[in-house]
Amino acid sequence: MAEPVPITLLTREACEFCHDAEEIIARLSGEFALEVTRIDIDSEDGQQRAVREGILFPPGILLGERGFSYGRPSEKKLRKEFERRCSS
């Protein structure tokens, strides 16, 4: 069995794209082993991670500790990355 893919979502209250990202991750977690952590992007930890990984605005998606995307999330792009990681 593949190791879970660690995901960190940098989100903000009342952020429509953040809500979309959470829904996409929830759907994909039915197909892939995902370990999801949510962090408020406005918290000290959230700000540090956003700056370090070049996340300009929410939602920020980090896979492991590396920035993957920010802004409007792409289910297709995430699915492709999870397929790649789970097949290796």
PDB file of N, CA and C in Angstrom:
ATOM      1  N   MET A   1       0.846  -1.193   0.000  1.00  0.00           N
ATOM      2  CA  MET A   1       0.000   0.000   0.000  1.00  0.00           C
ATOM      3  C   MET A   1       0.885   1.249   0.000  1.00  0.00           C
ATOM      4  N   ALA A   2       0.520   2.227  -0.799  1.00  0.00           N
ATOM      5  CA  ALA A   2       1.296   3.456  -0.921  1.00  0.00           C
ATOM      6  C   ALA A   2       1.200   4.288   0.351  1.00  0.00           C
ATOM      7  N   GLU A   3       2.283   5.000   0.635  1.00  0.00           N
ATOM      8  CA  GLU A   3       2.287   5.935   1.755  1.00  0.00           C
ATOM      9  C   GLU A   3       1.306   7.064   1.456  1.00  0.00           C
ATOM     10  N   PRO A   4       0.611   7.583   2.467  1.00  0.00           N
ATOM     11  CA  PRO A   4      -0.296   8.711   2.230  1.00  0.00           C
ATOM     12  C   PRO A   4       0.470   9.932   1.717  1.00  0.00           C
ATOM     13  N   VAL A   5      -0.154  10.666   0.839  1.00  0.00           N
ATOM     14  CA  VAL A   5       0.426  11.912   0.329  1.00  0.00           C
ATOM     15  C   VAL A   5       0.109  13.001   1.353  1.00  0.00           C
ATOM     16  N   PRO A   6       1.147  13.615   1.977  1.00  0.00           N
ATOM     17  CA  PRO A   6       0.886  14.688   2.935  1.00  0.00           C
ATOM     18  C   PRO A   6       0.534  15.991   2.208  1.00  0.00           C
ATOM     19  N   ILE A   7      -0.604  16.553   2.568  1.00  0.00           N
ATOM     20  CA  ILE A   7      -1.095  17.788   1.952  1.00  0.00           C
ATOM     21  C   ILE A   7      -1.339  18.817   3.042  1.00  0.00           C
ATOM     22  N   THR A   8      -0.884  20.032   2.815  1.00  0.00           N
ATOM     23  CA  THR A   8      -1.220  21.142   3.699  1.00  0.00           C
ATOM     24  C   THR A   8      -2.010  22.150   2.883  1.00  0.00           C
ATOM     25  N   LEU A   9      -3.193  22.484   3.383  1.00  0.00           N
ATOM     26  CA  LEU A   9      -4.026  23.513   2.756  1.00  0.00           C
ATOM     27  C   LEU A   9      -3.884  24.793   3.568  1.00  0.00           C
ATOM     28  N   LEU A  10      -3.433  25.845   2.933  1.00  0.00           N
ATOM     29  CA  LEU A  10      -3.369  27.164   3.564  1.00  0.00           C
ATOM     30  C   LEU A  10      -4.642  27.895   3.150  1.00  0.00           C
ATOM     31  N   THR A  11      -5.542  28.059   4.108  1.00  0.00           N
ATOM     32  CA  THR A  11      -6.865  28.593   3.797  1.00  0.00           C
ATOM     33  C   THR A  11      -7.166  29.856   4.597  1.00  0.00           C
ATOM     34  N   ARG A  12      -8.267  30.497   4.221  1.00  0.00           N
ATOM     35  CA  ARG A  12      -8.747  31.691   4.921  1.00  0.00           C
ATOM     36  C   ARG A  12     -10.268  31.584   5.028  1.00  0.00           C
ATOM     37  N   GLU A  13     -10.787  32.048   6.144  1.00  0.00           N
ATOM     38  CA  GLU A  13     -12.243  32.062   6.353  1.00  0.00           C
ATOM     39  C   GLU A  13     -12.918  32.848   5.220  1.00  0.00           C
ATOM     40  N   ALA A  14     -14.072  32.397   4.798  1.00  0.00           N
ATOM     41  CA  ALA A  14     -14.887  33.063   3.769  1.00  0.00           C
ATOM     42  C   ALA A  14     -14.155  33.190   2.433  1.00  0.00           C
ATOM     43  N   CYS A  15     -13.365  32.173   2.092  1.00  0.00           N
ATOM     44  CA  CYS A  15     -12.636  32.151   0.814  1.00  0.00           C
ATOM     45  C   CYS A  15     -13.284  31.086  -0.071  1.00  0.00           C
ATOM     46  N   GLU A  16     -13.906  31.508  -1.155  1.00  0.00           N
ATOM     47  CA  GLU A  16     -14.626  30.574  -2.031  1.00  0.00           C
ATOM     48  C   GLU A  16     -13.687  29.535  -2.634  1.00  0.00           C
ATOM     49  N   PHE A  17     -12.515  29.951  -3.105  1.00  0.00           N
ATOM     50  CA  PHE A  17     -11.574  28.995  -3.683  1.00  0.00           C
ATOM     51  C   PHE A  17     -11.052  28.018  -2.618  1.00  0.00           C
ATOM     52  N   CYS A  18     -10.954  28.483  -1.362  1.00  0.00           N
ATOM     53  CA  CYS A  18     -10.526  27.600  -0.272  1.00  0.00           C
ATOM     54  C   CYS A  18     -11.565  26.498  -0.076  1.00  0.00           C
ATOM     55  N   HIS A  19     -12.825  26.875  -0.119  1.00  0.00           N
ATOM     56  CA  HIS A  19     -13.905  25.904  -0.003  1.00  0.00           C
ATOM     57  C   HIS A  19     -13.841  24.911  -1.167  1.00  0.00           C
ATOM     58  N   ASP A  20     -13.588  25.406  -2.374  1.00  0.00           N
ATOM     59  CA  ASP A  20     -13.449  24.536  -3.551  1.00  0.00           C
ATOM     60  C   ASP A  20     -12.292  23.554  -3.366  1.00  0.00           C
ATOM     61  N   ALA A  21     -11.158  24.050  -2.863  1.00  0.00           N
ATOM     62  CA  ALA A  21      -9.987  23.189  -2.645  1.00  0.00           C
ATOM     63  C   ALA A  21     -10.315  22.081  -1.651  1.00  0.00           C
ATOM     64  N   GLU A  22     -11.011  22.434  -0.578  1.00  0.00           N
ATOM     65  CA  GLU A  22     -11.377  21.429   0.426  1.00  0.00           C
ATOM     66  C   GLU A  22     -12.300  20.370  -0.179  1.00  0.00           C
ATOM     67  N   GLU A  23     -13.255  20.774  -1.025  1.00  0.00           N
ATOM     68  CA  GLU A  23     -14.157  19.816  -1.677  1.00  0.00           C
ATOM     69  C   GLU A  23     -13.402  18.894  -2.631  1.00  0.00           C
ATOM     70  N   ILE A  24     -12.476  19.455  -3.390  1.00  0.00           N
ATOM     71  CA  ILE A  24     -11.682  18.654  -4.332  1.00  0.00           C
ATOM     72  C   ILE A  24     -10.846  17.633  -3.573  1.00  0.00           C
ATOM     73  N   ILE A  25     -10.175  18.080  -2.522  1.00  0.00           N
ATOM     74  CA  ILE A  25      -9.340  17.173  -1.721  1.00  0.00           C
ATOM     75  C   ILE A  25     -10.215  16.083  -1.093  1.00  0.00           C
ATOM     76  N   ALA A  26     -11.383  16.441  -0.609  1.00  0.00           N
ATOM     77  CA  ALA A  26     -12.291  15.447  -0.020  1.00  0.00           C
ATOM     78  C   ALA A  26     -12.685  14.397  -1.062  1.00  0.00           C
ATOM     79  N   ARG A  27     -12.986  14.837  -2.284  1.00  0.00           N
ATOM     80  CA  ARG A  27     -13.343  13.887  -3.353  1.00  0.00           C
ATOM     81  C   ARG A  27     -12.169  12.965  -3.673  1.00  0.00           C
ATOM     82  N   LEU A  28     -10.989  13.554  -3.829  1.00  0.00           N
ATOM     83  CA  LEU A  28      -9.814  12.771  -4.210  1.00  0.00           C
ATOM     84  C   LEU A  28      -9.358  11.837  -3.091  1.00  0.00           C
ATOM     85  N   SER A  29      -9.695  12.176  -1.857  1.00  0.00           N
ATOM     86  CA  SER A  29      -9.298  11.299  -0.744  1.00  0.00           C
ATOM     87  C   SER A  29     -10.047   9.966  -0.799  1.00  0.00           C
ATOM     88  N   GLY A  30     -11.126   9.891  -1.572  1.00  0.00           N
ATOM     89  CA  GLY A  30     -11.810   8.627  -1.792  1.00  0.00           C
ATOM     90  C   GLY A  30     -11.056   7.714  -2.749  1.00  0.00           C
ATOM     91  N   GLU A  31     -10.129   8.287  -3.523  1.00  0.00           N
ATOM     92  CA  GLU A  31      -9.364   7.526  -4.510  1.00  0.00           C
ATOM     93  C   GLU A  31      -7.903   7.332  -4.130  1.00  0.00           C
ATOM     94  N   PHE A  32      -7.368   8.276  -3.343  1.00  0.00           N
ATOM     95  CA  PHE A  32      -5.946   8.249  -3.006  1.00  0.00           C
ATOM     96  C   PHE A  32      -5.780   8.368  -1.496  1.00  0.00           C
ATOM     97  N   ALA A  33      -4.679   7.810  -0.995  1.00  0.00           N
ATOM     98  CA  ALA A  33      -4.362   7.936   0.425  1.00  0.00           C
ATOM     99  C   ALA A  33      -3.779   9.338   0.645  1.00  0.00           C
ATOM    100  N   LEU A  34      -4.539  10.185   1.320  1.00  0.00           N
ATOM    101  CA  LEU A  34      -4.121  11.563   1.559  1.00  0.00           C
ATOM    102  C   LEU A  34      -4.117  11.841   3.056  1.00  0.00           C
ATOM    103  N   GLU A  35      -3.151  12.601   3.489  1.00  0.00           N
ATOM    104  CA  GLU A  35      -3.059  13.038   4.888  1.00  0.00           C
ATOM    105  C   GLU A  35      -3.123  14.563   4.869  1.00  0.00           C
ATOM    106  N   VAL A  36      -4.289  15.100   5.211  1.00  0.00           N
ATOM    107  CA  VAL A  36      -4.562  16.524   5.014  1.00  0.00           C
ATOM    108  C   VAL A  36      -4.462  17.307   6.324  1.00  0.00           C
ATOM    109  N   THR A  37      -3.746  18.430   6.256  1.00  0.00           N
ATOM    110  CA  THR A  37      -3.654  19.373   7.360  1.00  0.00           C
ATOM    111  C   THR A  37      -4.128  20.724   6.835  1.00  0.00           C
ATOM    112  N   ARG A  38      -4.971  21.396   7.614  1.00  0.00           N
ATOM    113  CA  ARG A  38      -5.436  22.741   7.241  1.00  0.00           C
ATOM    114  C   ARG A  38      -4.814  23.755   8.185  1.00  0.00           C
ATOM    115  N   ILE A  39      -4.301  24.833   7.613  1.00  0.00           N
ATOM    116  CA  ILE A  39      -3.694  25.903   8.406  1.00  0.00           C
ATOM    117  C   ILE A  39      -4.236  27.230   7.895  1.00  0.00           C
ATOM    118  N   ASP A  40      -4.624  28.100   8.816  1.00  0.00           N
ATOM    119  CA  ASP A  40      -5.077  29.448   8.448  1.00  0.00           C
ATOM    120  C   ASP A  40      -3.876  30.206   7.888  1.00  0.00           C
ATOM    121  N   ILE A  41      -3.998  30.698   6.677  1.00  0.00           N
ATOM    122  CA  ILE A  41      -2.889  31.392   6.028  1.00  0.00           C
ATOM    123  C   ILE A  41      -2.523  32.686   6.766  1.00  0.00           C
ATOM    124  N   ASP A  42      -3.454  33.211   7.567  1.00  0.00           N
ATOM    125  CA  ASP A  42      -3.176  34.442   8.300  1.00  0.00           C
ATOM    126  C   ASP A  42      -2.514  34.190   9.654  1.00  0.00           C
ATOM    127  N   SER A  43      -2.367  32.917  10.042  1.00  0.00           N
ATOM    128  CA  SER A  43      -1.667  32.595  11.282  1.00  0.00           C
ATOM    129  C   SER A  43      -0.163  32.765  11.056  1.00  0.00           C
ATOM    130  N   GLU A  44       0.594  32.805  12.131  1.00  0.00           N
ATOM    131  CA  GLU A  44       2.054  32.955  12.006  1.00  0.00           C
ATOM    132  C   GLU A  44       2.643  31.793  11.201  1.00  0.00           C
ATOM    133  N   ASP A  45       2.218  30.558  11.520  1.00  0.00           N
ATOM    134  CA  ASP A  45       2.698  29.376  10.799  1.00  0.00           C
ATOM    135  C   ASP A  45       2.288  29.446   9.329  1.00  0.00           C
ATOM    136  N   GLY A  46       1.037  29.824   9.082  1.00  0.00           N
ATOM    137  CA  GLY A  46       0.549  29.932   7.714  1.00  0.00           C
ATOM    138  C   GLY A  46       1.327  30.960   6.907  1.00  0.00           C
ATOM    139  N   GLN A  47       1.597  32.106   7.509  1.00  0.00           N
ATOM    140  CA  GLN A  47       2.363  33.156   6.826  1.00  0.00           C
ATOM    141  C   GLN A  47       3.782  32.693   6.510  1.00  0.00           C
ATOM    142  N   GLN A  48       4.420  32.020   7.459  1.00  0.00           N
ATOM    143  CA  GLN A  48       5.790  31.525   7.239  1.00  0.00           C
ATOM    144  C   GLN A  48       5.833  30.532   6.086  1.00  0.00           C
ATOM    145  N   ARG A  49       4.885  29.599   6.083  1.00  0.00           N
ATOM    146  CA  ARG A  49       4.852  28.608   5.000  1.00  0.00           C
ATOM    147  C   ARG A  49       4.552  29.259   3.658  1.00  0.00           C
ATOM    148  N   ALA A  50       3.618  30.211   3.634  1.00  0.00           N
ATOM    149  CA  ALA A  50       3.260  30.889   2.391  1.00  0.00           C
ATOM    150  C   ALA A  50       4.455  31.645   1.819  1.00  0.00           C
ATOM    151  N   VAL A  51       5.158  32.378   2.663  1.00  0.00           N
ATOM    152  CA  VAL A  51       6.319  33.143   2.202  1.00  0.00           C
ATOM    153  C   VAL A  51       7.412  32.195   1.704  1.00  0.00           C
ATOM    154  N   ARG A  52       7.690  31.161   2.475  1.00  0.00           N
ATOM    155  CA  ARG A  52       8.752  30.208   2.120  1.00  0.00           C
ATOM    156  C   ARG A  52       8.484  29.533   0.772  1.00  0.00           C
ATOM    157  N   GLU A  53       7.223  29.219   0.489  1.00  0.00           N
ATOM    158  CA  GLU A  53       6.880  28.472  -0.720  1.00  0.00           C
ATOM    159  C   GLU A  53       6.317  29.338  -1.854  1.00  0.00           C
ATOM    160  N   GLY A  54       6.314  30.640  -1.674  1.00  0.00           N
ATOM    161  CA  GLY A  54       5.860  31.532  -2.746  1.00  0.00           C
ATOM    162  C   GLY A  54       4.360  31.493  -2.979  1.00  0.00           C
ATOM    163  N   ILE A  55       3.598  31.205  -1.922  1.00  0.00           N
ATOM    164  CA  ILE A  55       2.135  31.192  -2.017  1.00  0.00           C
ATOM    165  C   ILE A  55       1.665  32.635  -1.866  1.00  0.00           C
ATOM    166  N   LEU A  56       1.123  33.209  -2.935  1.00  0.00           N
ATOM    167  CA  LEU A  56       0.772  34.623  -2.924  1.00  0.00           C
ATOM    168  C   LEU A  56      -0.591  34.909  -2.303  1.00  0.00           C
ATOM    169  N   PHE A  57      -1.531  33.952  -2.430  1.00  0.00           N
ATOM    170  CA  PHE A  57      -2.860  34.127  -1.840  1.00  0.00           C
ATOM    171  C   PHE A  57      -3.514  32.751  -1.704  1.00  0.00           C
ATOM    172  N   PRO A  58      -4.556  32.664  -0.876  1.00  0.00           N
ATOM    173  CA  PRO A  58      -5.182  31.366  -0.629  1.00  0.00           C
ATOM    174  C   PRO A  58      -6.103  30.939  -1.778  1.00  0.00           C
ATOM    175  N   PRO A  59      -6.384  29.664  -1.838  1.00  0.00           N
ATOM    176  CA  PRO A  59      -5.799  28.620  -1.013  1.00  0.00           C
ATOM    177  C   PRO A  59      -4.426  28.234  -1.546  1.00  0.00           C
ATOM    178  N   GLY A  60      -3.536  27.969  -0.626  1.00  0.00           N
ATOM    179  CA  GLY A  60      -2.234  27.417  -0.982  1.00  0.00           C
ATOM    180  C   GLY A  60      -2.277  25.920  -0.748  1.00  0.00           C
ATOM    181  N   ILE A  61      -1.726  25.168  -1.676  1.00  0.00           N
ATOM    182  CA  ILE A  61      -1.657  23.717  -1.520  1.00  0.00           C
ATOM    183  C   ILE A  61      -0.189  23.320  -1.518  1.00  0.00           C
ATOM    184  N   LEU A  62       0.220  22.690  -0.420  1.00  0.00           N
ATOM    185  CA  LEU A  62       1.572  22.176  -0.300  1.00  0.00           C
ATOM    186  C   LEU A  62       1.493  20.655  -0.299  1.00  0.00           C
ATOM    187  N   LEU A  63       2.337  20.025  -1.073  1.00  0.00           N
ATOM    188  CA  LEU A  63       2.453  18.570  -1.058  1.00  0.00           C
ATOM    189  C   LEU A  63       3.773  18.273  -0.382  1.00  0.00           C
ATOM    190  N   GLY A  64       3.700  17.583   0.750  1.00  0.00           N
ATOM    191  CA  GLY A  64       4.870  17.492   1.612  1.00  0.00           C
ATOM    192  C   GLY A  64       5.090  18.889   2.152  1.00  0.00           C
ATOM    193  N   GLU A  65       6.288  19.368   2.057  1.00  0.00           N
ATOM    194  CA  GLU A  65       6.584  20.742   2.491  1.00  0.00           C
ATOM    195  C   GLU A  65       6.784  21.680   1.306  1.00  0.00           C
ATOM    196  N   ARG A  66       6.507  21.194   0.098  1.00  0.00           N
ATOM    197  CA  ARG A  66       6.742  21.980  -1.110  1.00  0.00           C
ATOM    198  C   ARG A  66       5.457  22.594  -1.638  1.00  0.00           C
ATOM    199  N   GLY A  67       5.530  23.853  -2.040  1.00  0.00           N
ATOM    200  CA  GLY A  67       4.385  24.514  -2.641  1.00  0.00           C
ATOM    201  C   GLY A  67       4.001  23.838  -3.949  1.00  0.00           C
ATOM    202  N   PHE A  68       2.717  23.587  -4.142  1.00  0.00           N
ATOM    203  CA  PHE A  68       2.221  22.954  -5.363  1.00  0.00           C
ATOM    204  C   PHE A  68       1.412  23.949  -6.184  1.00  0.00           C
ATOM    205  N   SER A  69       0.509  24.674  -5.522  1.00  0.00           N
ATOM    206  CA  SER A  69      -0.312  25.648  -6.245  1.00  0.00           C
ATOM    207  C   SER A  69      -0.941  26.627  -5.262  1.00  0.00           C
ATOM    208  N   TYR A  70      -1.480  27.700  -5.806  1.00  0.00           N
ATOM    209  CA  TYR A  70      -2.271  28.645  -5.014  1.00  0.00           C
ATOM    210  C   TYR A  70      -3.335  29.243  -5.919  1.00  0.00           C
ATOM    211  N   GLY A  71      -4.351  29.813  -5.274  1.00  0.00           N
ATOM    212  CA  GLY A  71      -5.468  30.365  -6.038  1.00  0.00           C
ATOM    213  C   GLY A  71      -6.439  29.271  -6.440  1.00  0.00           C
ATOM    214  N   ARG A  72      -7.172  29.491  -7.507  1.00  0.00           N
ATOM    215  CA  ARG A  72      -8.203  28.538  -7.955  1.00  0.00           C
ATOM    216  C   ARG A  72      -7.579  27.150  -8.120  1.00  0.00           C
ATOM    217  N   PRO A  73      -8.102  26.159  -7.379  1.00  0.00           N
ATOM    218  CA  PRO A  73      -7.511  24.820  -7.445  1.00  0.00           C
ATOM    219  C   PRO A  73      -7.943  24.065  -8.704  1.00  0.00           C
ATOM    220  N   SER A  74      -7.058  23.196  -9.188  1.00  0.00           N
ATOM    221  CA  SER A  74      -7.336  22.373 -10.368  1.00  0.00           C
ATOM    222  C   SER A  74      -7.394  20.904  -9.955  1.00  0.00           C
ATOM    223  N   GLU A  75      -8.598  20.333 -10.021  1.00  0.00           N
ATOM    224  CA  GLU A  75      -8.749  18.914  -9.678  1.00  0.00           C
ATOM    225  C   GLU A  75      -7.936  18.048 -10.639  1.00  0.00           C
ATOM    226  N   LYS A  76      -7.927  18.402 -11.906  1.00  0.00           N
ATOM    227  CA  LYS A  76      -7.186  17.630 -12.908  1.00  0.00           C
ATOM    228  C   LYS A  76      -5.689  17.611 -12.589  1.00  0.00           C
ATOM    229  N   LYS A  77      -5.136  18.755 -12.250  1.00  0.00           N
ATOM    230  CA  LYS A  77      -3.713  18.866 -11.934  1.00  0.00           C
ATOM    231  C   LYS A  77      -3.378  18.062 -10.669  1.00  0.00           C
ATOM    232  N   LEU A  78      -4.239  18.150  -9.650  1.00  0.00           N
ATOM    233  CA  LEU A  78      -4.017  17.389  -8.414  1.00  0.00           C
ATOM    234  C   LEU A  78      -4.121  15.891  -8.682  1.00  0.00           C
ATOM    235  N   ARG A  79      -5.140  15.469  -9.414  1.00  0.00           N
ATOM    236  CA  ARG A  79      -5.323  14.044  -9.723  1.00  0.00           C
ATOM    237  C   ARG A  79      -4.092  13.496 -10.441  1.00  0.00           C
ATOM    238  N   LYS A  80      -3.611  14.241 -11.419  1.00  0.00           N
ATOM    239  CA  LYS A  80      -2.439  13.812 -12.188  1.00  0.00           C
ATOM    240  C   LYS A  80      -1.227  13.639 -11.268  1.00  0.00           C
ATOM    241  N   GLU A  81      -1.032  14.575 -10.351  1.00  0.00           N
ATOM    242  CA  GLU A  81       0.098  14.493  -9.418  1.00  0.00           C
ATOM    243  C   GLU A  81      -0.067  13.315  -8.461  1.00  0.00           C
ATOM    244  N   PHE A  82      -1.270  13.082  -7.954  1.00  0.00           N
ATOM    245  CA  PHE A  82      -1.499  11.957  -7.048  1.00  0.00           C
ATOM    246  C   PHE A  82      -1.297  10.631  -7.773  1.00  0.00           C
ATOM    247  N   GLU A  83      -1.744  10.539  -9.017  1.00  0.00           N
ATOM    248  CA  GLU A  83      -1.525   9.324  -9.805  1.00  0.00           C
ATOM    249  C   GLU A  83      -0.037   9.076  -9.978  1.00  0.00           C
ATOM    250  N   ARG A  84       0.708  10.125 -10.265  1.00  0.00           N
ATOM    251  CA  ARG A  84       2.161   9.999 -10.445  1.00  0.00           C
ATOM    252  C   ARG A  84       2.814   9.507  -9.156  1.00  0.00           C
ATOM    253  N   ARG A  85       2.452  10.124  -8.033  1.00  0.00           N
ATOM    254  CA  ARG A  85       3.060   9.755  -6.749  1.00  0.00           C
ATOM    255  C   ARG A  85       2.669   8.354  -6.295  1.00  0.00           C
ATOM    256  N   CYS A  86       1.448   7.963  -6.573  1.00  0.00           N
ATOM    257  CA  CYS A  86       0.963   6.659  -6.092  1.00  0.00           C
ATOM    258  C   CYS A  86       1.412   5.510  -7.004  1.00  0.00           C
ATOM    259  N   SER A  87       1.876   5.810  -8.213  1.00  0.00           N
ATOM    260  CA  SER A  87       2.315   4.744  -9.108  1.00  0.00           C
ATOM    261  C   SER A  87       3.802   4.491  -9.002  1.00  0.00           C
ATOM    262  N   SER A  88       4.554   5.374  -8.295  1.00  0.00           N
ATOM    263  CA  SER A  88       6.000   5.169  -8.199  1.00  0.00           C
ATOM    264  C   SER A  88       6.349   4.247  -7.065  1.00  0.00           C
TER     265      SER A  88
END
